[in-house]
Amino acid sequence: MNRKRFYPNNRRSKPVLPLNDNSLISQEIFDECEKLKQKILSLSNGKSEIWLYRQELLDQYNQLILFNLDYAIEKKIEHDLWTIVFKNEISYKQEQLKENHQHQSKRTEIQTSLQTLYEYARGYYMKLLQDVVHSYNFENSICKLIFPFLQKQSLNSNHHHHHQCKEASMLYFIQHILVHVGDLNRYSNQIDLAKTFYQYAIYTIPCLGQPYNQIAILHEMKNPLSLLTPGQNQLITTYYYIRSIAIKVPFPLAISNLEKLFQRLKDLPLSRYEQQQQNDFLTLFLQIIAMINLESRFEEDIYSFINLFQTIIMKNLNQFYFIQMITIIMFTLHRTLGLLPRSSPSASKNPQLQFDLILQILIIIIEQCLEAIQLPLSMMIIDEQHILPILYLTFAYLDHILKYKNDLFEHKVFKQKQTMWNSLAKLLRSFSVYAANLELNKDKNESSGSLFIRYSDYPLAEERALECFTPLNDILKS
């Protein structure tokens, strides 16, 4: 039997779905936007007519966003709006300011123009956010916080026709606006306000990496009003770059930003810490992390740095630092196991040595946490209670990576730490006694027993803070 030969171009084409009125209108507005966009891109910055085209494009984008947000997101309108209307002009003026040959009067004029642009863009985005939330009748806690008097209307209300969109589109767009309002505040040196908007963005969608990266950039800036030490700023910067990378949707620039930070830290001399140990404790920790991540100075003196770290950590016990330090260590461990992206596509030269070194740092911190706890638990002071979540998350993480490193607890660093295991056993025994006492006294003191039961399944504050952190994802979900 003769069979007809099959050719790829003989395939039946996918049926074209008829466009509804909304799609046609959206397409028409988008086509107008594209024409204006090409006009703007064909002009050089500084031309007088370019801002007229930008204003016209802004109006068209506004119309499309308020009419069909899903379509606007699909066409990446939010990206073009920021880049073509605002960011290109901001970058152009910022470059003008950097030119040393500018006269003071000219520089003042540019600076004033920039501040006016920042204010205009901020006002535009806040108005757009309010209009979008109202147009699509959307409500969430962040919108309530920013617009406390904006009321969600009843679905049966006949006063206003509300458009519809996917919740994911709305949340993505809200986060996008919050990030760029944060950026505009950062450009204006309103650091605290910028951080607030970045944190709002994280709260809106915790699994996208960009706002974490922006907070890291804030802490890299030299802020004369900051009360943080250089080491504290470096720790927070590293922590947020890591959060931007170890996440469901990483922000690509965070990888190179973290690499640059590590490059600056890795070659600091040991002598600086011997002279002023307390002030530079966190910088010493971060330098060791940088050396491990970059595989730098393995053949020289990394063990001298680790020994010094072990000596001075006892004088610098602070649970606020430790949760961020543990997060950075988990990130590095995950990297050595090949579970997170690196700046270089090439494989690590000595992953086992990297693993050994970072595990050694982790054990040093675990030992200090265990030694700091006062037993029995009834004698524990408030400051010590913050150490327990650190230990819980650390051992939960170690248990989790057994699937990738099934001989983990056979490692020599664990076998050499008999005192650590004894301290851990005492802590667990104390928990057992504490739980037994609660059970015995639950009838006598019903309120404390019921509170214990009521909140036993609630996430810890540390778990909430580390939401969407890739190394802990499976643990936090369970």
Protein backbone atom coordinates (compact mmCIF):
# COMPACT_ATOMS: atom_id res chain seq x y z
CA MET A 1 0.00 0.00 0.00
CA ASN A 2 1.34 3.37 -0.98
CA ARG A 3 1.57 5.79 1.89
CA LYS A 4 1.75 9.52 1.50
CA ARG A 5 5.14 10.79 2.68
CA PHE A 6 4.99 13.12 5.68
CA TYR A 7 6.66 16.49 5.47
CA PRO A 8 6.89 18.82 8.44
CA ASN A 9 5.43 21.74 6.49
CA ASN A 10 2.36 19.62 5.66
CA ARG A 11 1.33 19.72 9.33
CA ARG A 12 -2.06 21.14 10.00
CA SER A 13 -1.57 24.66 11.27
CA LYS A 14 -2.85 25.55 14.70
CA PRO A 15 -6.35 27.05 14.40
CA VAL A 16 -6.40 30.79 14.90
CA LEU A 17 -8.84 31.71 17.62
CA PRO A 18 -11.12 34.64 16.82
CA LEU A 19 -10.18 37.80 18.68
CA ASN A 20 -12.81 39.26 20.96
CA ASP A 21 -13.42 43.00 21.20
CA ASN A 22 -11.13 43.35 24.22
CA SER A 23 -8.26 41.65 22.40
CA LEU A 24 -8.74 43.80 19.31
CA ILE A 25 -8.78 47.02 21.32
CA SER A 26 -5.72 45.87 23.30
CA GLN A 27 -3.89 45.04 20.07
CA GLU A 28 -4.69 48.46 18.60
CA ILE A 29 -3.41 50.28 21.69
CA PHE A 30 -0.28 48.11 21.73
CA ASP A 31 0.41 48.84 18.05
CA GLU A 32 0.24 52.57 18.79
CA CYS A 33 2.63 52.05 21.71
CA GLU A 34 5.12 50.24 19.48
CA LYS A 35 5.10 53.07 16.91
CA LEU A 36 5.79 55.64 19.63
CA LYS A 37 8.43 53.41 21.16
CA GLN A 38 10.33 53.18 17.85
CA LYS A 39 10.15 56.98 17.42
CA ILE A 40 11.65 57.48 20.89
CA LEU A 41 14.40 54.90 20.33
CA SER A 42 15.36 56.59 17.06
CA LEU A 43 16.01 59.90 18.86
CA SER A 44 19.06 60.67 20.97
CA ASN A 45 18.62 61.72 24.60
CA GLY A 46 18.49 65.46 25.11
CA LYS A 47 16.30 66.18 22.07
CA SER A 48 13.45 68.51 23.04
CA GLU A 49 10.73 66.47 21.30
CA ILE A 50 11.67 63.18 22.97
CA TRP A 51 9.84 64.03 26.18
CA LEU A 52 6.63 64.83 24.22
CA TYR A 53 6.75 61.36 22.67
CA ARG A 54 7.47 59.84 26.08
CA GLN A 55 4.46 61.59 27.57
CA GLU A 56 2.28 60.33 24.73
CA LEU A 57 3.65 56.81 25.19
CA LEU A 58 2.98 57.05 28.93
CA ASP A 59 -0.67 57.87 28.25
CA GLN A 60 -1.01 54.92 25.86
CA TYR A 61 0.65 52.51 28.30
CA ASN A 62 -1.63 53.80 31.04
CA GLN A 63 -4.67 53.14 28.88
CA LEU A 64 -3.58 49.59 28.04
CA ILE A 65 -2.68 48.68 31.64
CA LEU A 66 -6.04 49.88 32.97
CA PHE A 67 -7.95 48.20 30.15
CA ASN A 68 -6.29 44.76 29.92
CA LEU A 69 -3.59 44.07 32.50
CA ASP A 70 -3.08 40.43 31.49
CA TYR A 71 -2.34 41.48 27.91
CA ALA A 72 -0.06 44.30 29.12
CA ILE A 73 1.97 41.88 31.26
CA GLU A 74 2.18 39.40 28.36
CA LYS A 75 3.66 42.17 26.18
CA LYS A 76 6.09 43.25 28.96
CA ILE A 77 4.60 46.74 29.00
CA GLU A 78 5.68 47.29 32.61
CA HIS A 79 9.34 46.78 31.58
CA ASP A 80 9.15 49.15 28.60
CA LEU A 81 7.30 51.78 30.64
CA TRP A 82 10.10 51.89 33.21
CA THR A 83 13.00 51.63 30.76
CA ILE A 84 11.90 53.83 27.87
CA VAL A 85 9.90 56.49 29.68
CA PHE A 86 11.91 56.86 32.89
CA LYS A 87 15.12 54.83 33.28
CA ASN A 88 16.80 55.89 30.03
CA GLU A 89 16.27 59.58 30.86
CA ILE A 90 17.43 59.07 34.46
CA SER A 91 20.59 57.26 33.32
CA TYR A 92 21.32 59.99 30.76
CA LYS A 93 21.08 62.75 33.37
CA GLN A 94 23.07 60.73 35.93
CA GLU A 95 25.86 60.35 33.36
CA GLN A 96 25.79 64.09 32.72
CA LEU A 97 26.29 64.69 36.44
CA LYS A 98 29.36 62.43 36.51
CA GLU A 99 31.13 64.47 33.83
CA ASN A 100 33.81 66.49 35.62
CA HIS A 101 33.99 69.25 33.03
CA GLN A 102 30.47 70.45 33.79
CA HIS A 103 30.29 73.92 35.37
CA GLN A 104 28.72 74.15 38.83
CA SER A 105 25.69 76.05 37.52
CA LYS A 106 25.12 73.39 34.87
CA ARG A 107 25.49 70.59 37.42
CA THR A 108 22.95 72.31 39.70
CA GLU A 109 20.55 72.58 36.78
CA ILE A 110 20.92 68.86 35.97
CA GLN A 111 20.54 67.91 39.64
CA THR A 112 17.33 69.95 39.91
CA SER A 113 16.04 68.39 36.70
CA LEU A 114 16.81 64.91 38.06
CA GLN A 115 15.01 65.55 41.35
CA THR A 116 11.99 66.84 39.42
CA LEU A 117 12.03 63.68 37.30
CA TYR A 118 12.25 61.46 40.40
CA GLU A 119 9.28 63.25 41.97
CA TYR A 120 7.25 63.05 38.77
CA ALA A 121 7.98 59.33 38.29
CA ARG A 122 7.19 58.56 41.94
CA GLY A 123 3.90 60.41 41.73
CA TYR A 124 3.05 58.72 38.44
CA TYR A 125 3.68 55.22 39.78
CA MET A 126 1.75 55.78 43.02
CA LYS A 127 -1.22 57.14 41.03
CA LEU A 128 -0.98 54.22 38.59
CA LEU A 129 -0.93 51.73 41.47
CA GLN A 130 -4.03 53.32 42.96
CA ASP A 131 -5.81 53.36 39.58
CA VAL A 132 -4.94 49.73 38.82
CA VAL A 133 -6.11 48.50 42.23
CA HIS A 134 -9.36 50.47 41.83
CA SER A 135 -9.93 49.54 38.18
CA TYR A 136 -9.60 45.80 38.86
CA ASN A 137 -11.25 46.04 42.30
CA PHE A 138 -8.28 44.33 43.94
CA GLU A 139 -7.42 44.26 47.61
CA ASN A 140 -4.49 42.94 49.65
CA SER A 141 -2.72 43.93 52.84
CA ILE A 142 0.01 45.99 51.12
CA CYS A 143 -2.55 48.00 49.14
CA LYS A 144 -4.44 48.66 52.38
CA LEU A 145 -1.22 49.84 53.99
CA ILE A 146 -0.37 52.23 51.15
CA PHE A 147 -3.94 53.37 50.44
CA PRO A 148 -5.82 52.99 53.75
CA PHE A 149 -8.88 54.89 52.49
CA LEU A 150 -9.29 52.98 49.22
CA GLN A 151 -12.31 50.71 49.69
CA LYS A 152 -12.98 47.56 47.70
CA GLN A 153 -16.35 47.89 45.99
CA SER A 154 -19.07 45.29 46.11
CA LEU A 155 -19.29 43.00 43.10
CA ASN A 156 -22.96 44.00 42.82
CA SER A 157 -22.13 47.69 42.68
CA ASN A 158 -23.43 49.40 39.54
CA HIS A 159 -21.44 52.59 40.04
CA HIS A 160 -18.36 51.43 38.21
CA HIS A 161 -17.51 48.77 35.66
CA HIS A 162 -14.54 46.77 36.92
CA HIS A 163 -12.17 44.99 34.57
CA GLN A 164 -10.89 41.53 35.39
CA CYS A 165 -7.39 40.07 35.39
CA LYS A 166 -5.50 37.12 36.82
CA GLU A 167 -4.42 37.53 40.43
CA ALA A 168 -0.85 36.56 39.41
CA SER A 169 -0.77 39.45 36.89
CA MET A 170 -1.98 41.89 39.52
CA LEU A 171 0.53 40.78 42.17
CA TYR A 172 3.39 40.84 39.66
CA PHE A 173 2.44 44.35 38.53
CA ILE A 174 2.08 45.63 42.10
CA GLN A 175 5.51 44.24 42.96
CA HIS A 176 7.00 45.82 39.85
CA ILE A 177 5.67 49.26 40.85
CA LEU A 178 6.84 48.88 44.46
CA VAL A 179 10.38 47.98 43.33
CA HIS A 180 10.65 51.02 41.08
CA VAL A 181 9.19 53.41 43.64
CA GLY A 182 11.91 51.98 45.90
CA ASP A 183 14.49 52.66 43.15
CA LEU A 184 13.32 56.26 42.79
CA ASN A 185 13.61 56.79 46.54
CA ARG A 186 17.10 55.26 46.44
CA TYR A 187 18.17 57.63 43.67
CA SER A 188 16.92 60.50 45.87
CA ASN A 189 18.94 59.13 48.84
CA GLN A 190 15.75 58.43 50.80
CA ILE A 191 17.27 55.16 51.99
CA ASP A 192 14.78 54.15 54.69
CA LEU A 193 11.81 54.84 52.44
CA ALA A 194 13.43 52.88 49.60
CA LYS A 195 13.95 49.87 51.89
CA THR A 196 10.31 50.04 53.02
CA PHE A 197 9.07 49.79 49.43
CA TYR A 198 11.48 46.93 48.63
CA GLN A 199 10.19 45.08 51.71
CA TYR A 200 6.61 45.68 50.55
CA ALA A 201 7.61 44.15 47.21
CA ILE A 202 9.05 41.06 48.94
CA TYR A 203 5.89 40.69 51.00
CA THR A 204 3.77 40.89 47.82
CA ILE A 205 5.65 38.06 46.03
CA PRO A 206 8.39 36.47 48.18
CA CYS A 207 9.67 34.14 45.43
CA LEU A 208 11.02 36.79 43.00
CA GLY A 209 14.65 37.80 43.50
CA GLN A 210 14.81 41.44 42.35
CA PRO A 211 13.71 43.28 45.54
CA TYR A 212 16.22 41.30 47.63
CA ASN A 213 18.97 42.45 45.26
CA GLN A 214 17.80 46.06 45.58
CA ILE A 215 18.00 45.93 49.41
CA ALA A 216 21.55 44.55 49.09
CA ILE A 217 22.46 47.50 46.84
CA LEU A 218 21.07 49.87 49.50
CA HIS A 219 23.40 48.41 52.12
CA GLU A 220 26.39 48.68 49.78
CA MET A 221 25.79 52.41 49.47
CA LYS A 222 27.69 54.66 51.87
CA ASN A 223 24.96 56.10 54.05
CA PRO A 224 26.35 58.69 56.51
CA LEU A 225 23.18 58.42 58.63
CA SER A 226 23.47 54.64 59.10
CA LEU A 227 24.14 53.38 62.62
CA LEU A 228 25.46 50.06 61.29
CA THR A 229 29.16 49.18 61.30
CA PRO A 230 30.88 48.34 57.98
CA GLY A 231 30.85 44.65 58.98
CA GLN A 232 27.12 44.71 59.71
CA ASN A 233 26.42 46.38 56.37
CA GLN A 234 28.57 43.80 54.55
CA LEU A 235 26.74 40.94 56.30
CA ILE A 236 23.30 42.30 55.39
CA THR A 237 24.46 42.99 51.82
CA THR A 238 25.74 39.42 51.41
CA TYR A 239 22.57 38.00 52.99
CA TYR A 240 20.26 39.81 50.57
CA TYR A 241 22.34 39.00 47.47
CA ILE A 242 22.15 35.37 48.54
CA ARG A 243 18.39 35.60 49.04
CA SER A 244 18.14 37.08 45.53
CA ILE A 245 20.03 34.07 44.08
CA ALA A 246 18.72 31.14 46.16
CA ILE A 247 15.08 31.61 45.20
CA LYS A 248 12.49 30.28 42.74
CA VAL A 249 13.03 33.17 40.29
CA PRO A 250 16.62 34.40 40.81
CA PHE A 251 17.68 37.90 39.81
CA PRO A 252 20.65 37.30 37.44
CA LEU A 253 22.60 40.46 38.37
CA ALA A 254 22.75 39.35 42.01
CA ILE A 255 25.21 36.58 41.10
CA SER A 256 27.75 39.02 39.64
CA ASN A 257 27.06 41.55 42.43
CA LEU A 258 27.87 38.91 45.06
CA GLU A 259 30.99 37.89 43.14
CA LYS A 260 32.25 41.50 43.12
CA LEU A 261 31.67 41.78 46.87
CA PHE A 262 33.57 38.52 47.48
CA GLN A 263 36.43 39.70 45.23
CA ARG A 264 36.81 42.82 47.37
CA LEU A 265 36.88 40.80 50.60
CA LYS A 266 39.07 37.81 49.76
CA ASP A 267 42.50 39.49 49.85
CA LEU A 268 42.25 41.42 53.13
CA PRO A 269 45.30 40.76 55.36
CA LEU A 270 44.99 38.70 58.55
CA SER A 271 46.73 41.45 60.52
CA ARG A 272 43.71 43.79 60.35
CA TYR A 273 41.69 41.39 62.52
CA GLU A 274 44.44 40.82 65.05
CA GLN A 275 44.57 44.56 65.72
CA GLN A 276 40.83 45.20 66.11
CA GLN A 277 39.14 41.85 66.57
CA GLN A 278 35.72 42.89 67.79
CA ASN A 279 34.97 45.53 65.17
CA ASP A 280 35.87 43.26 62.25
CA PHE A 281 34.41 39.95 63.43
CA LEU A 282 31.70 39.94 60.73
CA THR A 283 34.13 41.01 58.00
CA LEU A 284 36.41 38.12 59.02
CA PHE A 285 33.49 35.69 58.71
CA LEU A 286 32.57 37.08 55.28
CA GLN A 287 36.17 36.97 54.08
CA ILE A 288 36.33 33.26 54.93
CA ILE A 289 33.03 32.74 53.06
CA ALA A 290 34.45 34.68 50.08
CA MET A 291 37.65 32.61 50.08
CA ILE A 292 35.64 29.36 50.14
CA ASN A 293 33.23 30.45 47.37
CA LEU A 294 36.07 31.73 45.15
CA GLU A 295 38.46 28.89 46.11
CA SER A 296 41.01 31.53 47.03
CA ARG A 297 44.10 31.13 49.26
CA PHE A 298 43.37 27.45 49.95
CA GLU A 299 47.08 26.69 49.75
CA GLU A 300 48.06 29.68 51.89
CA ASP A 301 46.47 30.75 55.12
CA ILE A 302 42.73 30.04 55.14
CA TYR A 303 43.19 27.88 58.25
CA SER A 304 44.79 30.83 60.06
CA PHE A 305 41.65 32.85 59.32
CA ILE A 306 39.40 30.02 60.55
CA ASN A 307 41.41 29.60 63.76
CA LEU A 308 41.18 33.33 64.47
CA PHE A 309 37.43 33.22 63.76
CA GLN A 310 37.01 30.41 66.30
CA THR A 311 38.91 32.47 68.88
CA ILE A 312 36.96 35.71 68.55
CA ILE A 313 33.46 34.33 67.93
CA MET A 314 33.00 33.81 71.69
CA LYS A 315 33.22 37.57 72.25
CA ASN A 316 30.69 38.32 69.53
CA LEU A 317 27.70 36.09 70.22
CA ASN A 318 24.63 37.79 68.75
CA GLN A 319 21.58 35.87 67.59
CA PHE A 320 20.66 38.57 65.02
CA TYR A 321 23.95 38.01 63.22
CA PHE A 322 23.81 34.25 63.60
CA ILE A 323 20.59 33.70 61.64
CA GLN A 324 22.08 35.63 58.70
CA MET A 325 25.42 33.85 59.09
CA ILE A 326 23.70 30.45 59.10
CA THR A 327 21.75 31.44 55.96
CA ILE A 328 25.01 32.37 54.20
CA ILE A 329 26.59 29.07 55.26
CA MET A 330 23.59 27.05 53.98
CA PHE A 331 23.88 28.87 50.65
CA THR A 332 27.60 28.02 50.41
CA LEU A 333 26.99 24.38 51.36
CA HIS A 334 24.27 24.16 48.72
CA ARG A 335 26.68 25.61 46.16
CA THR A 336 29.41 23.11 46.99
CA LEU A 337 26.85 20.35 46.38
CA GLY A 338 26.13 21.84 42.93
CA LEU A 339 22.55 22.80 43.86
CA LEU A 340 22.81 26.56 43.25
CA PRO A 341 24.18 28.68 40.36
CA ARG A 342 27.72 30.10 40.38
CA SER A 343 29.09 33.16 38.62
CA SER A 344 31.35 30.94 36.52
CA PRO A 345 29.83 28.09 34.48
CA SER A 346 32.94 25.97 35.10
CA ALA A 347 32.81 23.41 37.89
CA SER A 348 34.54 23.88 41.22
CA LYS A 349 38.18 22.72 41.25
CA ASN A 350 38.00 21.20 44.71
CA PRO A 351 34.39 20.85 45.90
CA GLN A 352 35.31 18.43 48.71
CA LEU A 353 37.74 20.90 50.30
CA GLN A 354 35.13 23.65 49.94
CA PHE A 355 32.61 21.41 51.68
CA ASP A 356 35.05 20.52 54.48
CA LEU A 357 35.87 24.17 55.17
CA ILE A 358 32.31 25.50 55.21
CA LEU A 359 31.19 22.58 57.39
CA GLN A 360 33.95 23.46 59.84
CA ILE A 361 32.63 27.05 60.08
CA LEU A 362 29.10 25.76 60.64
CA ILE A 363 30.22 23.48 63.48
CA ILE A 364 32.04 26.38 65.18
CA ILE A 365 28.77 28.36 65.24
CA ILE A 366 26.71 25.36 66.43
CA GLU A 367 29.16 24.84 69.30
CA GLN A 368 28.87 28.48 70.35
CA CYS A 369 25.07 28.34 70.24
CA LEU A 370 24.97 25.19 72.38
CA GLU A 371 27.42 26.61 74.90
CA ALA A 372 25.39 29.81 75.23
CA ILE A 373 22.17 28.05 76.26
CA GLN A 374 21.38 27.90 79.98
CA LEU A 375 19.81 24.58 81.01
CA PRO A 376 17.25 23.60 82.21
CA LEU A 377 14.96 25.41 79.77
CA SER A 378 13.00 27.00 82.63
CA MET A 379 16.18 28.96 83.50
CA MET A 380 16.71 30.23 79.96
CA ILE A 381 16.71 34.01 79.56
CA ILE A 382 14.95 35.77 76.68
CA ASP A 383 18.14 36.45 74.68
CA GLU A 384 19.05 32.76 74.72
CA GLN A 385 15.63 31.70 73.41
CA HIS A 386 16.49 33.19 70.01
CA ILE A 387 19.31 30.65 69.67
CA LEU A 388 16.91 27.68 69.62
CA PRO A 389 15.41 28.46 66.16
CA ILE A 390 18.94 28.75 64.76
CA LEU A 391 19.81 25.28 66.06
CA TYR A 392 16.50 23.86 64.87
CA LEU A 393 16.90 25.20 61.31
CA THR A 394 20.56 24.16 61.17
CA PHE A 395 19.95 20.53 62.12
CA ALA A 396 16.80 20.36 59.97
CA TYR A 397 18.94 21.54 57.04
CA LEU A 398 21.72 19.03 57.78
CA ASP A 399 19.13 16.26 57.92
CA HIS A 400 17.69 17.49 54.62
CA ILE A 401 21.02 17.38 52.72
CA LEU A 402 21.56 13.75 53.74
CA LYS A 403 19.81 12.86 50.47
CA TYR A 404 22.70 14.53 48.59
CA LYS A 405 25.47 13.60 51.04
CA ASN A 406 24.42 10.36 52.72
CA ASP A 407 27.71 10.01 54.61
CA LEU A 408 27.39 13.53 56.08
CA PHE A 409 27.45 12.57 59.75
CA GLU A 410 30.40 10.25 59.12
CA HIS A 411 32.49 13.31 58.32
CA LYS A 412 35.57 13.68 60.51
CA VAL A 413 34.49 17.12 61.74
CA PHE A 414 31.46 15.54 63.44
CA LYS A 415 33.45 12.65 64.88
CA GLN A 416 35.90 15.07 66.50
CA LYS A 417 33.17 17.00 68.33
CA GLN A 418 32.13 14.78 71.24
CA THR A 419 31.47 17.82 73.46
CA MET A 420 29.07 19.25 70.88
CA TRP A 421 27.05 16.02 70.76
CA ASN A 422 26.94 15.87 74.57
CA SER A 423 25.62 19.45 74.72
CA LEU A 424 23.01 18.66 72.08
CA ALA A 425 21.91 15.54 73.99
CA LYS A 426 21.48 17.60 77.18
CA LEU A 427 19.38 20.16 75.30
CA LEU A 428 17.12 17.47 73.81
CA ARG A 429 16.75 15.80 77.21
CA SER A 430 15.76 19.15 78.69
CA PHE A 431 13.09 19.53 75.99
CA SER A 432 11.75 16.09 76.89
CA VAL A 433 11.49 17.03 80.58
CA TYR A 434 9.87 20.37 79.72
CA ALA A 435 7.26 18.69 77.49
CA ALA A 436 6.53 16.06 80.17
CA ASN A 437 5.96 18.80 82.77
CA LEU A 438 3.56 20.57 80.43
CA GLU A 439 1.61 17.33 80.03
CA LEU A 440 1.47 16.75 83.81
CA ASN A 441 0.33 20.29 84.56
CA LYS A 442 -2.08 20.83 81.68
CA ASP A 443 -5.14 20.41 83.94
CA LYS A 444 -3.71 22.67 86.66
CA ASN A 445 -2.65 25.37 84.24
CA GLU A 446 -4.93 24.98 81.27
CA SER A 447 -4.07 28.33 79.71
CA SER A 448 -0.34 27.62 79.26
CA GLY A 449 -1.01 24.08 77.99
CA SER A 450 -3.64 25.24 75.53
CA LEU A 451 -1.34 28.02 74.28
CA PHE A 452 1.44 25.48 73.73
CA ILE A 453 -0.90 23.26 71.69
CA ARG A 454 -2.50 26.18 69.85
CA TYR A 455 0.81 27.60 68.58
CA SER A 456 2.76 24.36 68.10
CA ASP A 457 2.11 24.33 64.34
CA TYR A 458 2.70 28.06 63.76
CA PRO A 459 5.84 28.95 61.79
CA LEU A 460 8.68 30.56 63.70
CA ALA A 461 9.59 34.18 62.97
CA GLU A 462 12.87 32.84 61.49
CA GLU A 463 10.92 30.49 59.21
CA ARG A 464 8.78 33.35 57.96
CA ALA A 465 11.89 35.47 57.36
CA LEU A 466 13.44 32.67 55.27
CA GLU A 467 10.33 31.97 53.19
CA CYS A 468 11.24 30.91 49.62
CA PHE A 469 14.94 30.40 50.52
CA THR A 470 15.84 27.44 48.26
CA PRO A 471 18.00 25.40 50.71
CA LEU A 472 15.10 25.38 53.23
CA ASN A 473 12.16 25.13 50.81
CA ASP A 474 11.29 21.48 51.48
CA ILE A 475 11.68 21.92 55.25
CA LEU A 476 9.48 25.02 55.42
CA LYS A 477 6.78 23.50 53.22
CA SER A 478 6.49 20.49 55.52
